[in-house]
PDB file of N, CA and C in Angstrom:
ATOM      1  N   MET A   1     100.945  96.156  98.362  1.00  0.00           N
ATOM      2  CA  MET A   1     100.500  96.775  99.592  1.00  0.00           C
ATOM      3  C   MET A   1     101.072  98.185  99.671  1.00  0.00           C
ATOM      4  N   ALA A   2     100.217  99.143  99.957  1.00  0.00           N
ATOM      5  CA  ALA A   2     100.649 100.530 100.110  1.00  0.00           C
ATOM      6  C   ALA A   2     101.131 100.762 101.538  1.00  0.00           C
ATOM      7  N   LYS A   3     102.238 101.504 101.651  1.00  0.00           N
ATOM      8  CA  LYS A   3     102.785 101.869 102.952  1.00  0.00           C
ATOM      9  C   LYS A   3     103.068 103.358 102.971  1.00  0.00           C
ATOM     10  N   ALA A   4     102.691 104.016 104.060  1.00  0.00           N
ATOM     11  CA  ALA A   4     103.049 105.412 104.284  1.00  0.00           C
ATOM     12  C   ALA A   4     104.166 105.426 105.316  1.00  0.00           C
ATOM     13  N   ILE A   5     105.243 106.159 104.999  1.00  0.00           N
ATOM     14  CA  ILE A   5     106.438 106.152 105.835  1.00  0.00           C
ATOM     15  C   ILE A   5     106.840 107.588 106.147  1.00  0.00           C
ATOM     16  N   TRP A   6     107.077 107.839 107.426  1.00  0.00           N
ATOM     17  CA  TRP A   6     107.591 109.148 107.845  1.00  0.00           C
ATOM     18  C   TRP A   6     108.421 108.978 109.103  1.00  0.00           C
ATOM     19  N   GLY A   7     109.494 109.732 109.191  1.00  0.00           N
ATOM     20  CA  GLY A   7     110.362 109.643 110.350  1.00  0.00           C
ATOM     21  C   GLY A   7     110.999 108.279 110.495  1.00  0.00           C
ATOM     22  N   GLY A   8     111.177 107.579 109.361  1.00  0.00           N
ATOM     23  CA  GLY A   8     111.786 106.264 109.391  1.00  0.00           C
ATOM     24  C   GLY A   8     110.870 105.148 109.850  1.00  0.00           C
ATOM     25  N   LYS A   9     109.579 105.432 110.015  1.00  0.00           N
ATOM     26  CA  LYS A   9     108.619 104.428 110.497  1.00  0.00           C
ATOM     27  C   LYS A   9     107.478 104.263 109.508  1.00  0.00           C
ATOM     28  N   VAL A  10     106.992 103.039 109.395  1.00  0.00           N
ATOM     29  CA  VAL A  10     105.769 102.795 108.624  1.00  0.00           C
ATOM     30  C   VAL A  10     104.614 103.250 109.507  1.00  0.00           C
ATOM     31  N   ILE A  11     103.852 104.231 109.018  1.00  0.00           N
ATOM     32  CA  ILE A  11     102.751 104.780 109.822  1.00  0.00           C
ATOM     33  C   ILE A  11     101.379 104.338 109.318  1.00  0.00           C
ATOM     34  N   ALA A  12     101.336 103.760 108.122  1.00  0.00           N
ATOM     35  CA  ALA A  12     100.084 103.207 107.584  1.00  0.00           C
ATOM     36  C   ALA A  12     100.445 102.126 106.577  1.00  0.00           C
ATOM     37  N   GLU A  13      99.585 101.093 106.525  1.00  0.00           N
ATOM     38  CA  GLU A  13      99.860  99.960 105.636  1.00  0.00           C
ATOM     39  C   GLU A  13      98.539  99.288 105.296  1.00  0.00           C
ATOM     40  N   SER A  14      98.261  99.127 103.983  1.00  0.00           N
ATOM     41  CA  SER A  14      96.993  98.507 103.599  1.00  0.00           C
ATOM     42  C   SER A  14      97.020  98.014 102.155  1.00  0.00           C
ATOM     43  N   ASN A  15      96.247  96.959 101.915  1.00  0.00           N
ATOM     44  CA  ASN A  15      95.968  96.492 100.557  1.00  0.00           C
ATOM     45  C   ASN A  15      94.667  97.091 100.034  1.00  0.00           C
ATOM     46  N   ASN A  16      93.989  97.868 100.865  1.00  0.00           N
ATOM     47  CA  ASN A  16      92.667  98.397 100.517  1.00  0.00           C
ATOM     48  C   ASN A  16      92.640  99.911 100.433  1.00  0.00           C
ATOM     49  N   THR A  17      93.613 100.485  99.750  1.00  0.00           N
ATOM     50  CA  THR A  17      93.609 101.932  99.564  1.00  0.00           C
ATOM     51  C   THR A  17      92.751 102.294  98.360  1.00  0.00           C
ATOM     52  N   VAL A  18      92.364 103.555  98.314  1.00  0.00           N
ATOM     53  CA  VAL A  18      91.630 104.106  97.172  1.00  0.00           C
ATOM     54  C   VAL A  18      92.487 105.249  96.628  1.00  0.00           C
ATOM     55  N   VAL A  19      92.710 105.270  95.318  1.00  0.00           N
ATOM     56  CA  VAL A  19      93.528 106.317  94.718  1.00  0.00           C
ATOM     57  C   VAL A  19      92.636 107.363  94.074  1.00  0.00           C
ATOM     58  N   VAL A  20      92.860 108.609  94.470  1.00  0.00           N
ATOM     59  CA  VAL A  20      92.153 109.747  93.871  1.00  0.00           C
ATOM     60  C   VAL A  20      93.196 110.823  93.608  1.00  0.00           C
ATOM     61  N   GLU A  21      93.258 111.284  92.383  1.00  0.00           N
ATOM     62  CA  GLU A  21      94.200 112.319  91.960  1.00  0.00           C
ATOM     63  C   GLU A  21      95.638 111.986  92.367  1.00  0.00           C
ATOM     64  N   GLY A  22      96.011 110.711  92.262  1.00  0.00           N
ATOM     65  CA  GLY A  22      97.364 110.284  92.560  1.00  0.00           C
ATOM     66  C   GLY A  22      97.676 110.096  94.036  1.00  0.00           C
ATOM     67  N   ASN A  23      96.706 110.313  94.901  1.00  0.00           N
ATOM     68  CA  ASN A  23      96.909 110.134  96.339  1.00  0.00           C
ATOM     69  C   ASN A  23      96.277 108.830  96.805  1.00  0.00           C
ATOM     70  N   GLU A  24      97.033 108.089  97.617  1.00  0.00           N
ATOM     71  CA  GLU A  24      96.518 106.856  98.220  1.00  0.00           C
ATOM     72  C   GLU A  24      95.750 107.233  99.489  1.00  0.00           C
ATOM     73  N   TYR A  25      94.504 106.825  99.576  1.00  0.00           N
ATOM     74  CA  TYR A  25      93.684 107.051 100.771  1.00  0.00           C
ATOM     75  C   TYR A  25      93.594 105.735 101.536  1.00  0.00           C
ATOM     76  N   PHE A  26      94.051 105.759 102.786  1.00  0.00           N
ATOM     77  CA  PHE A  26      94.115 104.573 103.634  1.00  0.00           C
ATOM     78  C   PHE A  26      92.896 104.475 104.548  1.00  0.00           C
ATOM     79  N   PRO A  27      92.415 103.257 104.799  1.00  0.00           N
ATOM     80  CA  PRO A  27      91.378 103.096 105.816  1.00  0.00           C
ATOM     81  C   PRO A  27      91.942 103.548 107.167  1.00  0.00           C
ATOM     82  N   PRO A  28      91.126 104.190 108.006  1.00  0.00           N
ATOM     83  CA  PRO A  28      91.628 104.677 109.298  1.00  0.00           C
ATOM     84  C   PRO A  28      92.271 103.583 110.153  1.00  0.00           C
ATOM     85  N   ASP A  29      91.736 102.359 110.083  1.00  0.00           N
ATOM     86  CA  ASP A  29      92.300 101.294 110.915  1.00  0.00           C
ATOM     87  C   ASP A  29      93.639 100.769 110.381  1.00  0.00           C
ATOM     88  N   ALA A  30      94.080 101.261 109.211  1.00  0.00           N
ATOM     89  CA  ALA A  30      95.377 100.880 108.660  1.00  0.00           C
ATOM     90  C   ALA A  30      96.489 101.821 109.130  1.00  0.00           C
ATOM     91  N   VAL A  31      96.111 102.893 109.827  1.00  0.00           N
ATOM     92  CA  VAL A  31      97.076 103.882 110.311  1.00  0.00           C
ATOM     93  C   VAL A  31      97.483 103.505 111.740  1.00  0.00           C
ATOM     94  N   SER A  32      98.775 103.563 112.009  1.00  0.00           N
ATOM     95  CA  SER A  32      99.279 103.233 113.347  1.00  0.00           C
ATOM     96  C   SER A  32      98.619 104.096 114.416  1.00  0.00           C
ATOM     97  N   GLU A  33      98.383 103.469 115.561  1.00  0.00           N
ATOM     98  CA  GLU A  33      97.772 104.187 116.680  1.00  0.00           C
ATOM     99  C   GLU A  33      98.673 105.316 117.155  1.00  0.00           C
ATOM    100  N   ASN A  34      98.057 106.380 117.590  1.00  0.00           N
ATOM    101  CA  ASN A  34      98.728 107.528 118.210  1.00  0.00           C
ATOM    102  C   ASN A  34      99.634 108.312 117.271  1.00  0.00           C
ATOM    103  N   VAL A  35      99.548 108.089 115.968  1.00  0.00           N
ATOM    104  CA  VAL A  35     100.356 108.837 115.004  1.00  0.00           C
ATOM    105  C   VAL A  35      99.630 110.108 114.564  1.00  0.00           C
ATOM    106  N   LEU A  36      98.309 110.029 114.448  1.00  0.00           N
ATOM    107  CA  LEU A  36      97.525 111.170 113.984  1.00  0.00           C
ATOM    108  C   LEU A  36      97.020 111.986 115.163  1.00  0.00           C
ATOM    109  N   LYS A  37      97.271 113.299 115.096  1.00  0.00           N
ATOM    110  CA  LYS A  37      96.816 114.225 116.133  1.00  0.00           C
ATOM    111  C   LYS A  37      95.913 115.272 115.485  1.00  0.00           C
ATOM    112  N   SER A  38      94.835 115.596 116.131  1.00  0.00           N
ATOM    113  CA  SER A  38      93.854 116.547 115.606  1.00  0.00           C
ATOM    114  C   SER A  38      94.472 117.881 115.213  1.00  0.00           C
ATOM    115  N   SER A  39      93.949 118.440 114.153  1.00  0.00           N
ATOM    116  CA  SER A  39      94.330 119.773 113.689  1.00  0.00           C
ATOM    117  C   SER A  39      93.052 120.545 113.397  1.00  0.00           C
ATOM    118  N   ALA A  40      93.084 121.843 113.581  1.00  0.00           N
ATOM    119  CA  ALA A  40      91.924 122.681 113.271  1.00  0.00           C
ATOM    120  C   ALA A  40      91.901 123.110 111.806  1.00  0.00           C
ATOM    121  N   HIS A  41      92.954 122.765 111.063  1.00  0.00           N
ATOM    122  CA  HIS A  41      93.081 123.195 109.662  1.00  0.00           C
ATOM    123  C   HIS A  41      92.078 122.478 108.760  1.00  0.00           C
ATOM    124  N   THR A  42      91.513 123.208 107.820  1.00  0.00           N
ATOM    125  CA  THR A  42      90.646 122.640 106.787  1.00  0.00           C
ATOM    126  C   THR A  42      90.997 123.287 105.451  1.00  0.00           C
ATOM    127  N   SER A  43      90.585 122.647 104.379  1.00  0.00           N
ATOM    128  CA  SER A  43      90.691 123.229 103.041  1.00  0.00           C
ATOM    129  C   SER A  43      89.485 122.743 102.243  1.00  0.00           C
ATOM    130  N   ILE A  44      89.223 123.422 101.151  1.00  0.00           N
ATOM    131  CA  ILE A  44      88.040 123.077 100.358  1.00  0.00           C
ATOM    132  C   ILE A  44      88.456 122.685  98.947  1.00  0.00           C
ATOM    133  N   CYS A  45      87.953 121.543  98.509  1.00  0.00           N
ATOM    134  CA  CYS A  45      88.116 121.082  97.134  1.00  0.00           C
ATOM    135  C   CYS A  45      86.758 121.240  96.458  1.00  0.00           C
ATOM    136  N   PRO A  46      86.717 121.831  95.268  1.00  0.00           N
ATOM    137  CA  PRO A  46      85.433 122.063  94.608  1.00  0.00           C
ATOM    138  C   PRO A  46      84.600 120.806  94.377  1.00  0.00           C
ATOM    139  N   TRP A  47      85.255 119.658  94.137  1.00  0.00           N
ATOM    140  CA  TRP A  47      84.451 118.455  93.846  1.00  0.00           C
ATOM    141  C   TRP A  47      84.447 117.428  94.971  1.00  0.00           C
ATOM    142  N   LYS A  48      85.406 117.515  95.910  1.00  0.00           N
ATOM    143  CA  LYS A  48      85.435 116.550  97.020  1.00  0.00           C
ATOM    144  C   LYS A  48      84.794 117.105  98.292  1.00  0.00           C
ATOM    145  N   GLY A  49      84.864 118.403  98.490  1.00  0.00           N
ATOM    146  CA  GLY A  49      84.288 119.004  99.689  1.00  0.00           C
ATOM    147  C   GLY A  49      85.349 119.544 100.626  1.00  0.00           C
ATOM    148  N   THR A  50      85.040 119.584 101.916  1.00  0.00           N
ATOM    149  CA  THR A  50      85.943 120.144 102.922  1.00  0.00           C
ATOM    150  C   THR A  50      86.828 119.048 103.513  1.00  0.00           C
ATOM    151  N   ALA A  51      88.131 119.249 103.366  1.00  0.00           N
ATOM    152  CA  ALA A  51      89.108 118.326 103.947  1.00  0.00           C
ATOM    153  C   ALA A  51      89.458 118.794 105.349  1.00  0.00           C
ATOM    154  N   HIS A  52      89.580 117.854 106.252  1.00  0.00           N
ATOM    155  CA  HIS A  52      90.039 118.111 107.610  1.00  0.00           C
ATOM    156  C   HIS A  52      91.414 117.463 107.735  1.00  0.00           C
ATOM    157  N   TYR A  53      92.248 118.023 108.605  1.00  0.00           N
ATOM    158  CA  TYR A  53      93.649 117.598 108.667  1.00  0.00           C
ATOM    159  C   TYR A  53      94.041 117.020 110.022  1.00  0.00           C
ATOM    160  N   TYR A  54      95.131 116.261 109.977  1.00  0.00           N
ATOM    161  CA  TYR A  54      95.798 115.751 111.169  1.00  0.00           C
ATOM    162  C   TYR A  54      97.264 116.167 111.100  1.00  0.00           C
ATOM    163  N   HIS A  55      97.871 116.367 112.259  1.00  0.00           N
ATOM    164  CA  HIS A  55      99.322 116.435 112.353  1.00  0.00           C
ATOM    165  C   HIS A  55      99.790 114.979 112.456  1.00  0.00           C
ATOM    166  N   VAL A  56     100.963 114.697 111.921  1.00  0.00           N
ATOM    167  CA  VAL A  56     101.552 113.364 112.045  1.00  0.00           C
ATOM    168  C   VAL A  56     102.701 113.474 113.052  1.00  0.00           C
ATOM    169  N   GLU A  57     102.673 112.616 114.078  1.00  0.00           N
ATOM    170  CA  GLU A  57     103.723 112.628 115.098  1.00  0.00           C
ATOM    171  C   GLU A  57     104.354 111.244 115.231  1.00  0.00           C
ATOM    172  N   VAL A  58     105.691 111.225 115.136  1.00  0.00           N
ATOM    173  CA  VAL A  58     106.460 109.990 115.251  1.00  0.00           C
ATOM    174  C   VAL A  58     107.702 110.280 116.090  1.00  0.00           C
ATOM    175  N   ASP A  59     107.873 109.529 117.154  1.00  0.00           N
ATOM    176  CA  ASP A  59     109.073 109.638 118.000  1.00  0.00           C
ATOM    177  C   ASP A  59     109.399 111.082 118.376  1.00  0.00           C
ATOM    178  N   GLY A  60     108.389 111.846 118.760  1.00  0.00           N
ATOM    179  CA  GLY A  60     108.595 113.216 119.199  1.00  0.00           C
ATOM    180  C   GLY A  60     108.712 114.236 118.079  1.00  0.00           C
ATOM    181  N   MET A  61     108.696 113.792 116.822  1.00  0.00           N
ATOM    182  CA  MET A  61     108.739 114.713 115.674  1.00  0.00           C
ATOM    183  C   MET A  61     107.315 114.976 115.199  1.00  0.00           C
ATOM    184  N   LYS A  62     107.047 116.221 114.826  1.00  0.00           N
ATOM    185  CA  LYS A  62     105.702 116.604 114.391  1.00  0.00           C
ATOM    186  C   LYS A  62     105.741 117.158 112.977  1.00  0.00           C
ATOM    187  N   ASN A  63     104.867 116.654 112.124  1.00  0.00           N
ATOM    188  CA  ASN A  63     104.703 117.115 110.754  1.00  0.00           C
ATOM    189  C   ASN A  63     103.294 117.700 110.679  1.00  0.00           C
ATOM    190  N   GLU A  64     103.212 119.030 110.714  1.00  0.00           N
ATOM    191  CA  GLU A  64     101.911 119.694 110.823  1.00  0.00           C
ATOM    192  C   GLU A  64     101.068 119.533 109.563  1.00  0.00           C
ATOM    193  N   ASN A  65      99.815 119.179 109.785  1.00  0.00           N
ATOM    194  CA  ASN A  65      98.821 119.053 108.711  1.00  0.00           C
ATOM    195  C   ASN A  65      99.289 118.157 107.570  1.00  0.00           C
ATOM    196  N   ALA A  66      99.952 117.073 107.915  1.00  0.00           N
ATOM    197  CA  ALA A  66     100.529 116.183 106.907  1.00  0.00           C
ATOM    198  C   ALA A  66      99.597 115.053 106.483  1.00  0.00           C
ATOM    199  N   ALA A  67      98.411 115.002 107.064  1.00  0.00           N
ATOM    200  CA  ALA A  67      97.418 113.992 106.667  1.00  0.00           C
ATOM    201  C   ALA A  67      96.066 114.671 106.586  1.00  0.00           C
ATOM    202  N   TRP A  68      95.229 114.184 105.684  1.00  0.00           N
ATOM    203  CA  TRP A  68      93.890 114.759 105.578  1.00  0.00           C
ATOM    204  C   TRP A  68      92.850 113.684 105.288  1.00  0.00           C
ATOM    205  N   TYR A  69      91.595 114.067 105.509  1.00  0.00           N
ATOM    206  CA  TYR A  69      90.467 113.165 105.255  1.00  0.00           C
ATOM    207  C   TYR A  69      89.222 114.007 105.003  1.00  0.00           C
ATOM    208  N   TYR A  70      88.228 113.386 104.430  1.00  0.00           N
ATOM    209  CA  TYR A  70      86.950 114.036 104.141  1.00  0.00           C
ATOM    210  C   TYR A  70      85.852 113.348 104.953  1.00  0.00           C
ATOM    211  N   PRO A  71      85.428 113.959 106.070  1.00  0.00           N
ATOM    212  CA  PRO A  71      84.393 113.318 106.888  1.00  0.00           C
ATOM    213  C   PRO A  71      83.025 113.301 106.211  1.00  0.00           C
ATOM    214  N   GLU A  72      82.761 114.301 105.393  1.00  0.00           N
ATOM    215  CA  GLU A  72      81.478 114.403 104.680  1.00  0.00           C
ATOM    216  C   GLU A  72      81.738 114.864 103.246  1.00  0.00           C
ATOM    217  N   PRO A  73      82.311 113.997 102.405  1.00  0.00           N
ATOM    218  CA  PRO A  73      82.629 114.421 101.038  1.00  0.00           C
ATOM    219  C   PRO A  73      81.374 114.641 100.204  1.00  0.00           C
ATOM    220  N   LYS A  74      81.560 115.380  99.132  1.00  0.00           N
ATOM    221  CA  LYS A  74      80.478 115.551  98.163  1.00  0.00           C
ATOM    222  C   LYS A  74      80.218 114.195  97.493  1.00  0.00           C
ATOM    223  N   PRO A  75      79.041 114.012  96.896  1.00  0.00           N
ATOM    224  CA  PRO A  75      78.687 112.707  96.310  1.00  0.00           C
ATOM    225  C   PRO A  75      79.728 112.131  95.342  1.00  0.00           C
ATOM    226  N   ALA A  76      80.387 112.962  94.559  1.00  0.00           N
ATOM    227  CA  ALA A  76      81.372 112.466  93.593  1.00  0.00           C
ATOM    228  C   ALA A  76      82.580 111.822  94.270  1.00  0.00           C
ATOM    229  N   ALA A  77      82.802 112.140  95.546  1.00  0.00           N
ATOM    230  CA  ALA A  77      83.957 111.604  96.273  1.00  0.00           C
ATOM    231  C   ALA A  77      83.534 110.697  97.425  1.00  0.00           C
ATOM    232  N   ALA A  78      82.342 110.167  97.364  1.00  0.00           N
ATOM    233  CA  ALA A  78      81.815 109.345  98.462  1.00  0.00           C
ATOM    234  C   ALA A  78      82.719 108.161  98.797  1.00  0.00           C
ATOM    235  N   GLY A  79      83.468 107.658  97.835  1.00  0.00           N
ATOM    236  CA  GLY A  79      84.328 106.497  98.053  1.00  0.00           C
ATOM    237  C   GLY A  79      85.524 106.740  98.962  1.00  0.00           C
ATOM    238  N   ILE A  80      85.803 108.016  99.297  1.00  0.00           N
ATOM    239  CA  ILE A  80      86.938 108.296 100.187  1.00  0.00           C
ATOM    240  C   ILE A  80      86.481 108.825 101.553  1.00  0.00           C
ATOM    241  N   LYS A  81      85.206 108.718 101.840  1.00  0.00           N
ATOM    242  CA  LYS A  81      84.703 109.207 103.126  1.00  0.00           C
ATOM    243  C   LYS A  81      85.483 108.576 104.283  1.00  0.00           C
ATOM    244  N   GLY A  82      86.090 109.433 105.107  1.00  0.00           N
ATOM    245  CA  GLY A  82      86.795 108.982 106.291  1.00  0.00           C
ATOM    246  C   GLY A  82      88.172 108.384 106.060  1.00  0.00           C
ATOM    247  N   LEU A  83      88.560 108.182 104.800  1.00  0.00           N
ATOM    248  CA  LEU A  83      89.878 107.609 104.511  1.00  0.00           C
ATOM    249  C   LEU A  83      90.953 108.678 104.664  1.00  0.00           C
ATOM    250  N   VAL A  84      92.178 108.257 104.958  1.00  0.00           N
ATOM    251  CA  VAL A  84      93.265 109.180 105.286  1.00  0.00           C
ATOM    252  C   VAL A  84      94.335 109.166 104.198  1.00  0.00           C
ATOM    253  N   ALA A  85      94.723 110.366 103.745  1.00  0.00           N
ATOM    254  CA  ALA A  85      95.805 110.517 102.767  1.00  0.00           C
ATOM    255  C   ALA A  85      96.926 111.341 103.402  1.00  0.00           C
ATOM    256  N   PHE A  86      98.114 111.246 102.806  1.00  0.00           N
ATOM    257  CA  PHE A  86      99.292 111.901 103.367  1.00  0.00           C
ATOM    258  C   PHE A  86     100.012 112.750 102.326  1.00  0.00           C
ATOM    259  N   TRP A  87     100.779 113.726 102.817  1.00  0.00           N
ATOM    260  CA  TRP A  87     101.645 114.554 101.982  1.00  0.00           C
ATOM    261  C   TRP A  87     102.699 115.178 102.880  1.00  0.00           C
ATOM    262  N   LYS A  88     103.365 116.251 102.431  1.00  0.00           N
ATOM    263  CA  LYS A  88     104.355 116.980 103.228  1.00  0.00           C
ATOM    264  C   LYS A  88     105.498 116.094 103.713  1.00  0.00           C
ATOM    265  N   GLY A  89     106.062 115.326 102.789  1.00  0.00           N
ATOM    266  CA  GLY A  89     107.212 114.513 103.136  1.00  0.00           C
ATOM    267  C   GLY A  89     106.906 113.098 103.579  1.00  0.00           C
ATOM    268  N   VAL A  90     105.632 112.773 103.755  1.00  0.00           N
ATOM    269  CA  VAL A  90     105.265 111.383 104.071  1.00  0.00           C
ATOM    270  C   VAL A  90     105.346 110.614 102.749  1.00  0.00           C
ATOM    271  N   ARG A  91     106.202 109.613 102.708  1.00  0.00           N
ATOM    272  CA  ARG A  91     106.389 108.828 101.490  1.00  0.00           C
ATOM    273  C   ARG A  91     105.382 107.686 101.445  1.00  0.00           C
ATOM    274  N   VAL A  92     104.754 107.510 100.294  1.00  0.00           N
ATOM    275  CA  VAL A  92     103.834 106.382 100.114  1.00  0.00           C
ATOM    276  C   VAL A  92     104.410 105.496  99.014  1.00  0.00           C
ATOM    277  N   ASP A  93     104.661 104.251  99.378  1.00  0.00           N
ATOM    278  CA  ASP A  93     105.265 103.270  98.462  1.00  0.00           C
ATOM    279  C   ASP A  93     104.317 102.102  98.213  1.00  0.00           C
ATOM    280  N   GLY A  94     104.463 101.495  97.042  1.00  0.00           N
ATOM    281  CA  GLY A  94     103.826 100.222  96.758  1.00  0.00           C
ATOM    282  C   GLY A  94     102.331 100.255  96.555  1.00  0.00           C
ATOM    283  N   GLY A  95     101.784 101.408  96.326  1.00  0.00           N
ATOM    284  CA  GLY A  95     100.344 101.508  96.182  1.00  0.00           C
ATOM    285  C   GLY A  95      99.854 101.322  94.768  1.00  0.00           C
ATOM    286  N   LYS A  96      98.644 101.723  94.558  1.00  0.00           N
ATOM    287  CA  LYS A  96      97.967 101.547  93.273  1.00  0.00           C
ATOM    288  C   LYS A  96      98.202 102.709  92.310  1.00  0.00           C
ATOM    289  N   SER A  97      98.714 103.834  92.832  1.00  0.00           N
ATOM    290  CA  SER A  97      98.833 105.037  91.987  1.00  0.00           C
ATOM    291  C   SER A  97      99.896 104.904  90.918  1.00  0.00           C
TER     292      SER A  97
END
């Protein structure tokens, strides 16, 4: 089972992650409620498309743009549509990567 941990808390947990380029992508319903906060930040991957970001907030601590997802990925990345991945100090343990 993959777990994403930040601020000493498990913020996502799932047996159904998808690994792309070494990143575990979690189903949205596997992420703890109220942890993800909207961000206006985006980035572009040539083969996956435009990534949209979330800030991660735990116990009053904020990790800006520490999670991302692809709402409308390019066809080659269709398997990660809407799934959430983490970085910027969010530790992911026990996954498939």
